[in-house]
Structures are given as C-alpha cells and as structure tokens.
Amino acid sequence: MLPAVRSRAADFVALSKPRLNLLVVATTAAGYYLGTTGDLDAVRFTNTVLGTALVAGGASALNQVAERRTDALMRRTRSRPLPDGRLQSVEASLFALVLAVAGLLVLALGANLLAAMVALTTLVTYVAVYTPLKLRTSLATIVGAVPGALPPMIGWAGATDALSREAWILFAIVFLWQMPHFLAIAWLYREDYAAAGFPMLPVVEPDGYSTARQVVAYTAVLLPMSLAPAAVGLTTSTYFAGALVLGLAFLALAIRFARHRGRDDARSLFFGSIVYLPLIWGLMIATRV
C-alpha cells in the first residue's frame, strides 16, 4: 500500500513539472531581490516565491490535462501520468486548480495584489491562450514566451508593488532568451511534434531556414537587451562586460546552428541557453547597484 501511495503522490508532483518550474522560482526570486531596496523582507520574499511556484505548478498541471491526448502521441511525453492512465483528468484538474488558487491567495495576501495580478495573467495566457494555440499555429511559441517571461516581473512587483522600466527589461531578457531556447528544442524533437500534430516552425518549414533566421534574430536582439540593466543603473559596468561576453558566445552558438542546422548544433544551442540564463541572472545579482 505504501509504495502505491508514494507512486501516486509522485505522479501528482510530476503534474506540476517541478524541474521545469525551478526556472520560474529562480527568476521570481531574482526579480524580487533586484527590486529590493534596503533590507530584504524575508516573509514577503517567501510568500512571493511560494505563491508563484504554486501558480506555476497549477498552470503546468492544467497544461498537461489539456494536452493529455497529444502527449500520448509523443515518445518523450507518453509516460506522463495522464497519457499513461495513472491519473484521471478530473482529479488532475482539481489538483491544478487548488494549486493555482492557493498560489494566487498567497501572493495577494502575503505579498501584494499587483504580484497576484501578474501571476494571474501568467496563468491565463499560458493555459487559455498559449496551450490551445499550440495546435493551430507556429506563432504559439512567441505567445508562450510571454507567460514564460513574467515570473521576474512577479518578483519585482512583490518587492516594489510597481512595474517600472527595470521590470520590463527583465521581462524582455527572458522573453528573447526563450525563443532560441525553444526553437532548439523544437528542432531536436520535430518528428515528435509532427506526430502529435503540433505545427511548430521546424515542422511546417522542415528545411530549417526560417528557424535559423529566427534563432539568430532573437539572439542578436537579446545581446543589447541584456546590457540594458547596466544602462539604467540597475547593475555596474562589471555586469556590462560579463553580459557582453556571454551574449556574444550565445550568438556564436546561434550562428553555428543557423549555418549547419545539425542535431549537434541544435543540442549545443540548447545547452548553451541553459548555461547562459543562470549566468546572466547571477551576474545581475552579484553586481546589483
């Protein structure tokens, strides 16, 4: 009985995509810290991060409920709890709603209403806009980058009760970063996406020219945007120098992918994106003015 209970609990945890949402938690925490003036309010910080994590977990679970049939068609997702039949959609939906509502309440009561409203926007755009669009257009990737870039704004709002230009810069950095990151994933798993009927850009344009152009374009725009925190006085010149080096290295990976479009190039771009983002955030935190 006990192993079965543990297995079921693990399936509910898997619905919330905890590994993926580590990025959400990290960028929320970073946004809060960067927005803090004076001593950090530990209680409000904890409520902001916890509330965001709960909302993100609820959004991920609702996404899996909506995509349970297409998940069953892809090798990398068919073993998830819903397509594998280990959980039912009704109980998964209830679990998701409890998480999301609890998270919104924690944010509203433990941080501020603005942080809760940004989190609600994240939830709605991810579940009600991005998720259904994925089966209709390759432009869904751009739409999905919006809720993916909102967590640092939740953190900033939690600390400041405002959304200043610095918050929008943090949003833009994560938004632009997501495009080469997700297009690299889409290129690596394009056969899987095609089998499930997702019109990802590498699926609808299999030669890869459009994917390559977009990867380079978004990464090129990310480079100057990543320097903006120093330009507005959020960080020091040390950050500027470090962000410039990281941005050029990331752009070099994007250009290499664009030239060859091989699986190894896509994989290098993907792993490069995984390294780039925490280093940029770490630099911002270490050099905050």
C-alpha atoms as a PDB file:
ATOM      1  CA  MET A   1       0.000   0.000   0.000  1.00  0.00           C
ATOM      2  CA  LEU A   2       2.729   2.489   0.982  1.00  0.00           C
ATOM      3  CA  PRO A   3       4.680   2.189  -2.314  1.00  0.00           C
ATOM      4  CA  ALA A   4       1.408   2.716  -4.214  1.00  0.00           C
ATOM      5  CA  VAL A   5       0.670   5.868  -2.202  1.00  0.00           C
ATOM      6  CA  ARG A   6       4.178   7.147  -2.837  1.00  0.00           C
ATOM      7  CA  SER A   7       3.866   6.413  -6.527  1.00  0.00           C
ATOM      8  CA  ARG A   8       0.547   8.256  -6.733  1.00  0.00           C
ATOM      9  CA  ALA A   9       1.954  11.222  -4.841  1.00  0.00           C
ATOM     10  CA  ALA A  10       4.914  11.282  -7.220  1.00  0.00           C
ATOM     11  CA  ASP A  11       2.509  11.383 -10.171  1.00  0.00           C
ATOM     12  CA  PHE A  12       0.745  14.443  -8.740  1.00  0.00           C
ATOM     13  CA  VAL A  13       4.097  16.110  -8.182  1.00  0.00           C
ATOM     14  CA  ALA A  14       5.038  15.319 -11.785  1.00  0.00           C
ATOM     15  CA  LEU A  15       1.936  17.182 -12.972  1.00  0.00           C
ATOM     16  CA  SER A  16       3.437  20.391 -11.603  1.00  0.00           C
ATOM     17  CA  LYS A  17       6.664  19.912 -13.634  1.00  0.00           C
ATOM     18  CA  PRO A  18       8.934  20.739 -10.674  1.00  0.00           C
ATOM     19  CA  ARG A  19      12.205  20.638 -12.620  1.00  0.00           C
ATOM     20  CA  LEU A  20      10.901  22.968 -15.313  1.00  0.00           C
ATOM     21  CA  ASN A  21       9.427  25.325 -12.724  1.00  0.00           C
ATOM     22  CA  LEU A  22      12.776  25.666 -10.963  1.00  0.00           C
ATOM     23  CA  LEU A  23      13.447  28.331 -13.589  1.00  0.00           C
ATOM     24  CA  VAL A  24      10.205  30.081 -12.652  1.00  0.00           C
ATOM     25  CA  VAL A  25      11.143  30.057  -8.973  1.00  0.00           C
ATOM     26  CA  ALA A  26      14.691  31.216  -9.652  1.00  0.00           C
ATOM     27  CA  THR A  27      13.721  34.135 -11.893  1.00  0.00           C
ATOM     28  CA  THR A  28      10.974  35.191  -9.482  1.00  0.00           C
ATOM     29  CA  ALA A  29      13.452  35.206  -6.605  1.00  0.00           C
ATOM     30  CA  ALA A  30      15.980  37.112  -8.695  1.00  0.00           C
ATOM     31  CA  GLY A  31      13.372  39.678  -9.735  1.00  0.00           C
ATOM     32  CA  TYR A  32      12.392  40.200  -6.104  1.00  0.00           C
ATOM     33  CA  TYR A  33      15.995  40.621  -4.974  1.00  0.00           C
ATOM     34  CA  LEU A  34      16.821  43.044  -7.783  1.00  0.00           C
ATOM     35  CA  GLY A  35      13.783  45.139  -6.924  1.00  0.00           C
ATOM     36  CA  THR A  36      14.534  45.252  -3.198  1.00  0.00           C
ATOM     37  CA  THR A  37      15.794  48.467  -1.652  1.00  0.00           C
ATOM     38  CA  GLY A  38      17.140  48.265   1.874  1.00  0.00           C
ATOM     39  CA  ASP A  39      16.758  45.061   3.876  1.00  0.00           C
ATOM     40  CA  LEU A  40      15.049  42.122   2.243  1.00  0.00           C
ATOM     41  CA  ASP A  41      11.669  41.292   3.795  1.00  0.00           C
ATOM     42  CA  ALA A  42      12.054  37.532   4.297  1.00  0.00           C
ATOM     43  CA  VAL A  43       8.342  36.885   4.833  1.00  0.00           C
ATOM     44  CA  ARG A  44       7.216  38.776   1.742  1.00  0.00           C
ATOM     45  CA  PHE A  45      10.037  37.237  -0.288  1.00  0.00           C
ATOM     46  CA  THR A  46       8.982  33.740   0.776  1.00  0.00           C
ATOM     47  CA  ASN A  47       5.324  34.421   0.009  1.00  0.00           C
ATOM     48  CA  THR A  48       6.191  35.825  -3.421  1.00  0.00           C
ATOM     49  CA  VAL A  49       8.324  32.848  -4.395  1.00  0.00           C
ATOM     50  CA  LEU A  50       5.995  30.251  -2.871  1.00  0.00           C
ATOM     51  CA  GLY A  51       2.888  31.788  -4.401  1.00  0.00           C
ATOM     52  CA  THR A  52       4.494  31.936  -7.833  1.00  0.00           C
ATOM     53  CA  ALA A  53       5.664  28.321  -7.556  1.00  0.00           C
ATOM     54  CA  LEU A  54       2.135  27.181  -6.708  1.00  0.00           C
ATOM     55  CA  VAL A  55       0.596  29.107  -9.606  1.00  0.00           C
ATOM     56  CA  ALA A  56       3.244  27.768 -11.984  1.00  0.00           C
ATOM     57  CA  GLY A  57       2.595  24.222 -10.770  1.00  0.00           C
ATOM     58  CA  GLY A  58      -1.133  24.653 -11.291  1.00  0.00           C
ATOM     59  CA  ALA A  59      -0.588  26.053 -14.787  1.00  0.00           C
ATOM     60  CA  SER A  60       1.674  23.141 -15.702  1.00  0.00           C
ATOM     61  CA  ALA A  61      -0.880  20.625 -14.463  1.00  0.00           C
ATOM     62  CA  LEU A  62      -3.704  22.286 -16.405  1.00  0.00           C
ATOM     63  CA  ASN A  63      -1.491  22.254 -19.487  1.00  0.00           C
ATOM     64  CA  GLN A  64      -0.968  18.512 -19.086  1.00  0.00           C
ATOM     65  CA  VAL A  65      -4.705  17.957 -18.714  1.00  0.00           C
ATOM     66  CA  ALA A  66      -5.344  19.858 -21.949  1.00  0.00           C
ATOM     67  CA  GLU A  67      -2.559  18.048 -23.827  1.00  0.00           C
ATOM     68  CA  ARG A  68      -3.052  14.537 -22.465  1.00  0.00           C
ATOM     69  CA  ARG A  69      -4.090  13.157 -25.869  1.00  0.00           C
ATOM     70  CA  THR A  70      -1.265  14.743 -27.830  1.00  0.00           C
ATOM     71  CA  ASP A  71       1.196  13.797 -25.081  1.00  0.00           C
ATOM     72  CA  ALA A  72       0.231  10.178 -25.704  1.00  0.00           C
ATOM     73  CA  LEU A  73       1.444  10.515 -29.300  1.00  0.00           C
ATOM     74  CA  MET A  74       4.969  11.708 -28.461  1.00  0.00           C
ATOM     75  CA  ARG A  75       7.776   9.476 -27.239  1.00  0.00           C
ATOM     76  CA  ARG A  76       9.118  11.969 -24.722  1.00  0.00           C
ATOM     77  CA  THR A  77       5.732  12.626 -23.072  1.00  0.00           C
ATOM     78  CA  ARG A  78       3.713   9.416 -23.413  1.00  0.00           C
ATOM     79  CA  SER A  79       4.858   8.167 -19.997  1.00  0.00           C
ATOM     80  CA  ARG A  80       3.436  11.186 -18.157  1.00  0.00           C
ATOM     81  CA  PRO A  81       0.755  10.343 -15.553  1.00  0.00           C
ATOM     82  CA  LEU A  82      -2.262  11.344 -17.662  1.00  0.00           C
ATOM     83  CA  PRO A  83      -1.486   9.784 -21.059  1.00  0.00           C
ATOM     84  CA  ASP A  84      -0.215   6.679 -19.277  1.00  0.00           C
ATOM     85  CA  GLY A  85      -3.527   6.387 -17.404  1.00  0.00           C
ATOM     86  CA  ARG A  86      -2.071   6.589 -13.898  1.00  0.00           C
ATOM     87  CA  LEU A  87      -4.167   9.669 -13.122  1.00  0.00           C
ATOM     88  CA  GLN A  88      -7.560  10.794 -14.371  1.00  0.00           C
ATOM     89  CA  SER A  89      -8.199  14.227 -15.865  1.00  0.00           C
ATOM     90  CA  VAL A  90     -10.819  15.185 -13.249  1.00  0.00           C
ATOM     91  CA  GLU A  91      -8.513  14.628 -10.288  1.00  0.00           C
ATOM     92  CA  ALA A  92      -5.617  16.262 -12.128  1.00  0.00           C
ATOM     93  CA  SER A  93      -7.764  19.313 -12.898  1.00  0.00           C
ATOM     94  CA  LEU A  94      -8.863  19.608  -9.269  1.00  0.00           C
ATOM     95  CA  PHE A  95      -5.256  19.330  -8.107  1.00  0.00           C
ATOM     96  CA  ALA A  96      -4.221  22.019 -10.591  1.00  0.00           C
ATOM     97  CA  LEU A  97      -6.971  24.429  -9.560  1.00  0.00           C
ATOM     98  CA  VAL A  98      -6.175  24.007  -5.873  1.00  0.00           C
ATOM     99  CA  LEU A  99      -2.513  24.807  -6.552  1.00  0.00           C
ATOM    100  CA  ALA A 100      -3.282  27.833  -8.711  1.00  0.00           C
ATOM    101  CA  VAL A 101      -5.891  29.354  -6.378  1.00  0.00           C
ATOM    102  CA  ALA A 102      -3.697  28.753  -3.341  1.00  0.00           C
ATOM    103  CA  GLY A 103      -0.785  30.438  -5.086  1.00  0.00           C
ATOM    104  CA  LEU A 104      -2.845  33.472  -6.053  1.00  0.00           C
ATOM    105  CA  LEU A 105      -4.091  33.821  -2.477  1.00  0.00           C
ATOM    106  CA  VAL A 106      -0.568  33.562  -1.063  1.00  0.00           C
ATOM    107  CA  LEU A 107       0.567  36.298  -3.454  1.00  0.00           C
ATOM    108  CA  ALA A 108      -2.401  38.581  -2.822  1.00  0.00           C
ATOM    109  CA  LEU A 109      -2.356  38.243   0.967  1.00  0.00           C
ATOM    110  CA  GLY A 110       1.346  37.656   1.590  1.00  0.00           C
ATOM    111  CA  ALA A 111       2.908  39.972  -0.999  1.00  0.00           C
ATOM    112  CA  ASN A 112       0.580  42.392  -2.795  1.00  0.00           C
ATOM    113  CA  LEU A 113      -2.302  42.483  -5.239  1.00  0.00           C
ATOM    114  CA  LEU A 114      -0.117  43.559  -8.169  1.00  0.00           C
ATOM    115  CA  ALA A 115       2.057  40.449  -7.866  1.00  0.00           C
ATOM    116  CA  ALA A 116      -1.094  38.320  -7.762  1.00  0.00           C
ATOM    117  CA  MET A 117      -2.470  40.045 -10.868  1.00  0.00           C
ATOM    118  CA  VAL A 118       0.736  39.453 -12.828  1.00  0.00           C
ATOM    119  CA  ALA A 119       0.654  35.797 -11.745  1.00  0.00           C
ATOM    120  CA  LEU A 120      -2.994  35.530 -12.832  1.00  0.00           C
ATOM    121  CA  THR A 121      -2.022  36.972 -16.220  1.00  0.00           C
ATOM    122  CA  THR A 122       0.710  34.343 -16.453  1.00  0.00           C
ATOM    123  CA  LEU A 123      -1.768  31.571 -15.652  1.00  0.00           C
ATOM    124  CA  VAL A 124      -4.426  32.737 -18.115  1.00  0.00           C
ATOM    125  CA  THR A 125      -2.065  33.384 -21.027  1.00  0.00           C
ATOM    126  CA  TYR A 126      -0.327  30.044 -20.543  1.00  0.00           C
ATOM    127  CA  VAL A 127      -3.413  27.859 -20.104  1.00  0.00           C
ATOM    128  CA  ALA A 128      -6.156  29.649 -22.051  1.00  0.00           C
ATOM    129  CA  VAL A 129      -4.150  31.270 -24.854  1.00  0.00           C
ATOM    130  CA  TYR A 130      -0.831  29.515 -25.455  1.00  0.00           C
ATOM    131  CA  THR A 131      -1.944  25.918 -24.863  1.00  0.00           C
ATOM    132  CA  PRO A 132      -4.812  25.858 -27.411  1.00  0.00           C
ATOM    133  CA  LEU A 133      -2.751  27.869 -29.924  1.00  0.00           C
ATOM    134  CA  LYS A 134      -0.050  25.201 -29.993  1.00  0.00           C
ATOM    135  CA  LEU A 135      -2.256  23.031 -32.216  1.00  0.00           C
ATOM    136  CA  ARG A 136      -3.111  25.904 -34.560  1.00  0.00           C
ATOM    137  CA  THR A 137      -0.029  27.940 -35.414  1.00  0.00           C
ATOM    138  CA  SER A 138       3.732  28.050 -35.122  1.00  0.00           C
ATOM    139  CA  LEU A 139       3.321  31.563 -33.707  1.00  0.00           C
ATOM    140  CA  ALA A 140       2.233  29.924 -30.451  1.00  0.00           C
ATOM    141  CA  THR A 141       5.911  29.781 -29.483  1.00  0.00           C
ATOM    142  CA  ILE A 142       6.018  33.578 -29.396  1.00  0.00           C
ATOM    143  CA  VAL A 143       2.791  33.732 -27.408  1.00  0.00           C
ATOM    144  CA  GLY A 144       4.112  31.136 -24.961  1.00  0.00           C
ATOM    145  CA  ALA A 145       7.208  33.220 -24.336  1.00  0.00           C
ATOM    146  CA  VAL A 146       5.027  35.888 -22.690  1.00  0.00           C
ATOM    147  CA  PRO A 147       3.918  33.876 -19.613  1.00  0.00           C
ATOM    148  CA  GLY A 148       7.383  32.355 -19.515  1.00  0.00           C
ATOM    149  CA  ALA A 149       8.904  35.817 -19.118  1.00  0.00           C
ATOM    150  CA  LEU A 150       6.505  37.128 -16.471  1.00  0.00           C
ATOM    151  CA  PRO A 151       7.938  35.448 -13.307  1.00  0.00           C
ATOM    152  CA  PRO A 152      10.721  38.052 -12.796  1.00  0.00           C
ATOM    153  CA  MET A 153       8.018  40.711 -13.047  1.00  0.00           C
ATOM    154  CA  ILE A 154       6.054  38.906 -10.341  1.00  0.00           C
ATOM    155  CA  GLY A 155       9.154  39.039  -8.169  1.00  0.00           C
ATOM    156  CA  TRP A 156       9.749  42.728  -8.920  1.00  0.00           C
ATOM    157  CA  ALA A 157       6.103  43.544  -8.231  1.00  0.00           C
ATOM    158  CA  GLY A 158       6.244  41.587  -4.979  1.00  0.00           C
ATOM    159  CA  ALA A 159       9.206  43.670  -3.798  1.00  0.00           C
ATOM    160  CA  THR A 160       8.183  47.097  -5.082  1.00  0.00           C
ATOM    161  CA  ASP A 161       4.403  46.997  -5.693  1.00  0.00           C
ATOM    162  CA  ALA A 162       5.178  48.565  -9.083  1.00  0.00           C
ATOM    163  CA  LEU A 163       6.249  47.604 -12.603  1.00  0.00           C
ATOM    164  CA  SER A 164       8.984  50.055 -13.512  1.00  0.00           C
ATOM    165  CA  ARG A 165      11.185  50.028 -16.613  1.00  0.00           C
ATOM    166  CA  GLU A 166      13.624  47.713 -14.856  1.00  0.00           C
ATOM    167  CA  ALA A 167      10.889  45.101 -14.516  1.00  0.00           C
ATOM    168  CA  TRP A 168      10.132  45.342 -18.221  1.00  0.00           C
ATOM    169  CA  ILE A 169      13.820  44.938 -19.056  1.00  0.00           C
ATOM    170  CA  LEU A 170      13.934  41.726 -17.013  1.00  0.00           C
ATOM    171  CA  PHE A 171      10.813  40.559 -18.841  1.00  0.00           C
ATOM    172  CA  ALA A 172      12.373  41.333 -22.233  1.00  0.00           C
ATOM    173  CA  ILE A 173      15.588  39.456 -21.446  1.00  0.00           C
ATOM    174  CA  VAL A 174      13.738  36.264 -20.524  1.00  0.00           C
ATOM    175  CA  PHE A 175      11.276  36.670 -23.420  1.00  0.00           C
ATOM    176  CA  LEU A 176      14.047  36.970 -26.009  1.00  0.00           C
ATOM    177  CA  TRP A 177      16.084  34.157 -24.431  1.00  0.00           C
ATOM    178  CA  GLN A 178      13.178  31.741 -24.689  1.00  0.00           C
ATOM    179  CA  MET A 179      12.939  31.902 -28.471  1.00  0.00           C
ATOM    180  CA  PRO A 180      16.319  30.334 -29.382  1.00  0.00           C
ATOM    181  CA  HIS A 181      15.927  28.002 -26.402  1.00  0.00           C
ATOM    182  CA  PHE A 182      12.537  26.666 -27.506  1.00  0.00           C
ATOM    183  CA  LEU A 183      13.358  26.635 -31.219  1.00  0.00           C
ATOM    184  CA  ALA A 184      16.380  24.476 -30.457  1.00  0.00           C
ATOM    185  CA  ILE A 185      14.094  22.059 -28.603  1.00  0.00           C
ATOM    186  CA  ALA A 186      11.575  22.143 -31.449  1.00  0.00           C
ATOM    187  CA  TRP A 187      14.324  21.309 -33.947  1.00  0.00           C
ATOM    188  CA  LEU A 188      15.579  18.396 -31.862  1.00  0.00           C
ATOM    189  CA  TYR A 189      12.075  16.943 -31.400  1.00  0.00           C
ATOM    190  CA  ARG A 190      10.467  17.981 -34.671  1.00  0.00           C
ATOM    191  CA  GLU A 191       9.488  14.409 -35.549  1.00  0.00           C
ATOM    192  CA  ASP A 192       7.737  14.047 -32.212  1.00  0.00           C
ATOM    193  CA  TYR A 193       5.879  17.330 -32.662  1.00  0.00           C
ATOM    194  CA  ALA A 194       4.857  16.353 -36.184  1.00  0.00           C
ATOM    195  CA  ALA A 195       3.473  13.040 -34.942  1.00  0.00           C
ATOM    196  CA  ALA A 196       1.333  14.850 -32.382  1.00  0.00           C
ATOM    197  CA  GLY A 197       0.097  17.443 -34.871  1.00  0.00           C
ATOM    198  CA  PHE A 198       1.871  20.464 -33.384  1.00  0.00           C
ATOM    199  CA  PRO A 199       2.676  22.931 -36.201  1.00  0.00           C
ATOM    200  CA  MET A 200       5.987  24.027 -34.726  1.00  0.00           C
ATOM    201  CA  LEU A 201       8.158  26.100 -37.065  1.00  0.00           C
ATOM    202  CA  PRO A 202      10.603  23.220 -37.763  1.00  0.00           C
ATOM    203  CA  VAL A 203       7.577  21.062 -38.642  1.00  0.00           C
ATOM    204  CA  VAL A 204       5.836  23.433 -41.056  1.00  0.00           C
ATOM    205  CA  GLU A 205       9.136  24.555 -42.631  1.00  0.00           C
ATOM    206  CA  PRO A 206      11.353  21.462 -42.430  1.00  0.00           C
ATOM    207  CA  ASP A 207      14.280  22.970 -44.366  1.00  0.00           C
ATOM    208  CA  GLY A 208      15.070  24.976 -41.231  1.00  0.00           C
ATOM    209  CA  TYR A 209      15.795  28.311 -42.916  1.00  0.00           C
ATOM    210  CA  SER A 210      13.065  30.203 -41.050  1.00  0.00           C
ATOM    211  CA  THR A 211      14.010  28.518 -37.778  1.00  0.00           C
ATOM    212  CA  ALA A 212      17.644  29.502 -38.307  1.00  0.00           C
ATOM    213  CA  ARG A 213      16.774  33.121 -39.134  1.00  0.00           C
ATOM    214  CA  GLN A 214      14.587  33.473 -36.065  1.00  0.00           C
ATOM    215  CA  VAL A 215      17.177  31.889 -33.775  1.00  0.00           C
ATOM    216  CA  VAL A 216      19.816  34.376 -34.924  1.00  0.00           C
ATOM    217  CA  ALA A 217      17.436  37.349 -34.916  1.00  0.00           C
ATOM    218  CA  TYR A 218      16.167  36.813 -31.368  1.00  0.00           C
ATOM    219  CA  THR A 219      19.650  36.076 -30.033  1.00  0.00           C
ATOM    220  CA  ALA A 220      21.029  39.186 -31.747  1.00  0.00           C
ATOM    221  CA  VAL A 221      18.325  41.374 -30.168  1.00  0.00           C
ATOM    222  CA  LEU A 222      18.910  39.693 -26.812  1.00  0.00           C
ATOM    223  CA  LEU A 223      22.532  40.866 -26.819  1.00  0.00           C
ATOM    224  CA  PRO A 224      21.856  44.631 -26.493  1.00  0.00           C
ATOM    225  CA  MET A 225      18.819  43.993 -24.297  1.00  0.00           C
ATOM    226  CA  SER A 226      20.977  42.009 -21.880  1.00  0.00           C
ATOM    227  CA  LEU A 227      23.181  45.113 -21.492  1.00  0.00           C
ATOM    228  CA  ALA A 228      20.234  47.328 -20.546  1.00  0.00           C
ATOM    229  CA  PRO A 229      20.385  46.633 -16.770  1.00  0.00           C
ATOM    230  CA  ALA A 230      23.740  48.423 -16.676  1.00  0.00           C
ATOM    231  CA  ALA A 231      22.458  51.242 -18.888  1.00  0.00           C
ATOM    232  CA  VAL A 232      19.590  52.050 -16.492  1.00  0.00           C
ATOM    233  CA  GLY A 233      21.753  51.846 -13.384  1.00  0.00           C
ATOM    234  CA  LEU A 234      20.439  48.548 -12.050  1.00  0.00           C
ATOM    235  CA  THR A 235      23.895  46.923 -12.291  1.00  0.00           C
ATOM    236  CA  THR A 236      27.521  48.005 -12.679  1.00  0.00           C
ATOM    237  CA  SER A 237      29.953  48.109 -15.598  1.00  0.00           C
ATOM    238  CA  THR A 238      31.242  44.709 -14.484  1.00  0.00           C
ATOM    239  CA  TYR A 239      27.869  43.269 -15.400  1.00  0.00           C
ATOM    240  CA  PHE A 240      28.002  45.060 -18.761  1.00  0.00           C
ATOM    241  CA  ALA A 241      31.333  43.421 -19.621  1.00  0.00           C
ATOM    242  CA  GLY A 242      30.233  39.966 -18.463  1.00  0.00           C
ATOM    243  CA  ALA A 243      26.869  40.169 -20.247  1.00  0.00           C
ATOM    244  CA  LEU A 244      28.608  41.249 -23.445  1.00  0.00           C
ATOM    245  CA  VAL A 245      30.892  38.209 -23.381  1.00  0.00           C
ATOM    246  CA  LEU A 246      28.001  35.842 -22.601  1.00  0.00           C
ATOM    247  CA  GLY A 247      25.815  37.403 -25.269  1.00  0.00           C
ATOM    248  CA  LEU A 248      28.494  37.085 -27.941  1.00  0.00           C
ATOM    249  CA  ALA A 249      29.097  33.451 -27.011  1.00  0.00           C
ATOM    250  CA  PHE A 250      25.364  32.690 -27.174  1.00  0.00           C
ATOM    251  CA  LEU A 251      25.113  34.477 -30.527  1.00  0.00           C
ATOM    252  CA  ALA A 252      28.027  32.407 -31.860  1.00  0.00           C
ATOM    253  CA  LEU A 253      26.114  29.213 -30.988  1.00  0.00           C
ATOM    254  CA  ALA A 254      23.018  30.595 -32.734  1.00  0.00           C
ATOM    255  CA  ILE A 255      25.008  31.436 -35.880  1.00  0.00           C
ATOM    256  CA  ARG A 256      26.606  27.996 -35.919  1.00  0.00           C
ATOM    257  CA  PHE A 257      23.181  26.389 -35.701  1.00  0.00           C
ATOM    258  CA  ALA A 258      21.901  28.642 -38.485  1.00  0.00           C
ATOM    259  CA  ARG A 259      24.770  27.686 -40.776  1.00  0.00           C
ATOM    260  CA  HIS A 260      24.575  23.908 -40.365  1.00  0.00           C
ATOM    261  CA  ARG A 261      21.237  23.112 -38.656  1.00  0.00           C
ATOM    262  CA  GLY A 262      22.504  19.739 -37.459  1.00  0.00           C
ATOM    263  CA  ARG A 263      21.272  17.954 -34.373  1.00  0.00           C
ATOM    264  CA  ASP A 264      24.589  18.527 -32.623  1.00  0.00           C
ATOM    265  CA  ASP A 265      24.345  22.254 -33.379  1.00  0.00           C
ATOM    266  CA  ALA A 266      20.803  22.374 -32.004  1.00  0.00           C
ATOM    267  CA  ARG A 267      21.887  20.450 -28.935  1.00  0.00           C
ATOM    268  CA  SER A 268      24.805  22.830 -28.361  1.00  0.00           C
ATOM    269  CA  LEU A 269      22.460  25.797 -28.711  1.00  0.00           C
ATOM    270  CA  PHE A 270      20.030  24.245 -26.239  1.00  0.00           C
ATOM    271  CA  PHE A 271      22.689  23.527 -23.621  1.00  0.00           C
ATOM    272  CA  GLY A 272      24.235  26.933 -24.255  1.00  0.00           C
ATOM    273  CA  SER A 273      20.902  28.545 -23.467  1.00  0.00           C
ATOM    274  CA  ILE A 274      20.680  26.521 -20.246  1.00  0.00           C
ATOM    275  CA  VAL A 275      24.088  27.854 -19.197  1.00  0.00           C
ATOM    276  CA  TYR A 276      23.518  31.417 -20.389  1.00  0.00           C
ATOM    277  CA  LEU A 277      20.434  32.334 -18.387  1.00  0.00           C
ATOM    278  CA  PRO A 278      21.605  31.474 -14.848  1.00  0.00           C
ATOM    279  CA  LEU A 279      24.949  33.143 -15.554  1.00  0.00           C
ATOM    280  CA  ILE A 280      23.218  36.354 -16.666  1.00  0.00           C
ATOM    281  CA  TRP A 281      20.991  36.337 -13.589  1.00  0.00           C
ATOM    282  CA  GLY A 282      23.936  35.545 -11.355  1.00  0.00           C
ATOM    283  CA  LEU A 283      25.846  38.477 -12.811  1.00  0.00           C
ATOM    284  CA  MET A 284      22.906  40.793 -12.248  1.00  0.00           C
ATOM    285  CA  ILE A 285      22.556  39.723  -8.632  1.00  0.00           C
ATOM    286  CA  ALA A 286      26.287  39.927  -7.939  1.00  0.00           C
ATOM    287  CA  THR A 287      26.652  43.398  -9.474  1.00  0.00           C
ATOM    288  CA  ARG A 288      23.370  44.990  -8.388  1.00  0.00           C
ATOM    289  CA  VAL A 289      23.842  48.652  -7.518  1.00  0.00           C
END
